Protein backbone atom coordinates (compact mmCIF):
# COMPACT_ATOMS: atom_id res chain seq x y z
CA MET A 1 54.08 96.34 105.33
CA ALA A 2 55.07 97.02 102.59
CA ILE A 3 58.70 98.89 101.48
CA THR A 4 58.19 102.05 99.72
CA GLU A 5 60.70 104.17 98.25
CA SER A 6 61.42 106.64 100.76
CA TYR A 7 62.18 103.95 103.06
CA LEU A 8 65.26 101.92 100.19
CA TYR A 9 66.81 105.99 100.14
CA GLU A 10 66.92 106.43 104.03
CA ILE A 11 68.39 102.99 104.84
CA LEU A 12 71.42 103.77 101.40
CA ASP A 13 71.92 107.03 102.71
CA GLY A 14 73.07 104.75 106.35
CA VAL A 15 74.89 102.95 104.65
CA SER A 16 76.45 105.87 102.22
CA MET A 17 77.36 107.49 106.19
CA ILE A 18 78.49 104.02 107.29
CA SER A 19 80.82 103.72 104.32
CA ALA A 20 82.16 106.60 104.49
CA ALA A 21 82.89 106.89 108.69
CA LYS A 22 84.68 103.80 107.97
CA GLU A 23 86.82 105.34 105.37
CA LYS A 24 88.00 107.68 107.01
CA LEU A 25 88.97 106.01 109.73
CA ALA A 26 91.12 103.74 107.60
CA LYS A 27 92.95 106.76 105.97
CA ARG A 28 92.75 107.88 110.11
CA MET A 29 94.63 104.85 110.84
CA ALA A 30 97.27 104.63 108.34
CA GLY A 31 98.30 107.34 107.66
CA GLU A 32 98.89 107.54 112.32
CA ILE A 33 100.89 104.16 111.14
CA ALA A 34 103.02 105.08 108.43
CA LEU A 35 104.00 109.01 110.04
CA SER A 36 104.13 107.38 113.60
CA ASP A 37 108.01 107.60 114.85
CA ASP A 38 106.57 103.95 116.22
CA PRO A 39 104.51 101.57 113.51
CA GLY A 40 104.54 99.04 115.43
CA LYS A 41 103.33 100.37 118.87
CA THR A 42 100.48 102.05 116.21
CA MET A 43 99.51 98.80 114.86
CA ARG A 44 98.80 97.54 118.43
CA LYS A 45 97.60 100.27 119.43
CA TRP A 46 94.53 99.96 116.94
CA ARG A 47 94.47 96.02 117.17
CA GLU A 48 94.31 96.76 121.10
CA ILE A 49 90.87 99.32 119.95
CA PHE A 50 88.90 96.93 118.13
CA THR A 51 90.20 93.66 120.62
CA VAL A 52 92.11 91.97 118.35
CA ILE A 53 94.03 88.90 119.39
CA GLN A 54 97.70 89.10 117.08
CA THR A 55 97.34 85.28 115.93
CA ASP A 56 93.76 85.90 113.40
CA LEU A 57 95.51 89.55 112.63
CA ALA A 58 98.64 87.77 111.61
CA LYS A 59 96.55 85.62 109.67
CA CYS A 60 94.45 88.21 108.07
CA LEU A 61 96.97 90.16 107.46
CA GLY A 62 99.30 86.93 106.26
CA VAL A 63 101.97 86.94 108.14
CA SER A 64 103.32 85.43 110.99
CA SER A 65 102.13 85.98 114.43
CA SER A 66 105.66 86.49 115.61
CA VAL A 67 106.26 88.50 113.02
CA LEU A 68 103.16 90.65 113.51
CA SER A 69 104.57 90.79 117.35
CA ASP A 70 108.53 92.34 115.85
CA TYR A 71 106.98 94.94 114.76
CA GLU A 72 105.54 95.97 117.22
CA GLY A 73 107.46 95.21 119.48
CA GLY A 74 109.52 97.04 117.75
CA ARG A 75 111.81 95.08 116.21
CA ARG A 76 111.23 95.06 112.88
CA LYS A 77 111.34 98.59 110.58
CA SER A 78 107.69 99.77 109.33
CA PRO A 79 105.45 97.02 107.87
CA GLY A 80 105.45 98.40 104.34
CA SER A 81 102.45 99.92 102.77
CA THR A 82 100.61 96.58 101.43
CA THR A 83 100.46 95.23 105.74
CA ILE A 84 99.48 98.84 106.59
CA LYS A 85 96.13 98.78 103.75
CA LYS A 86 95.78 94.93 104.25
CA PHE A 87 95.39 96.66 108.40
CA VAL A 88 93.09 99.22 108.09
CA GLU A 89 91.28 96.86 105.02
């Protein structure tokens, strides 16, 4: 099977659509977390939607699982823009 130029453009269009959707979702998540009265609860909501366990997410964020637990439990204030950025990536 020969790969045609039009086929490559179809693939690139699909990749572009996926990238745009990911960016839109990341902005929505970041906005919800940053503007929430309870940012930790909102982080937990998204973590559970994507079925990520707390210890794995904590590693990705560069914090301990107890820090993440404190955010989610409302025992710490807002995680800050750097953590939110890592969260949505």
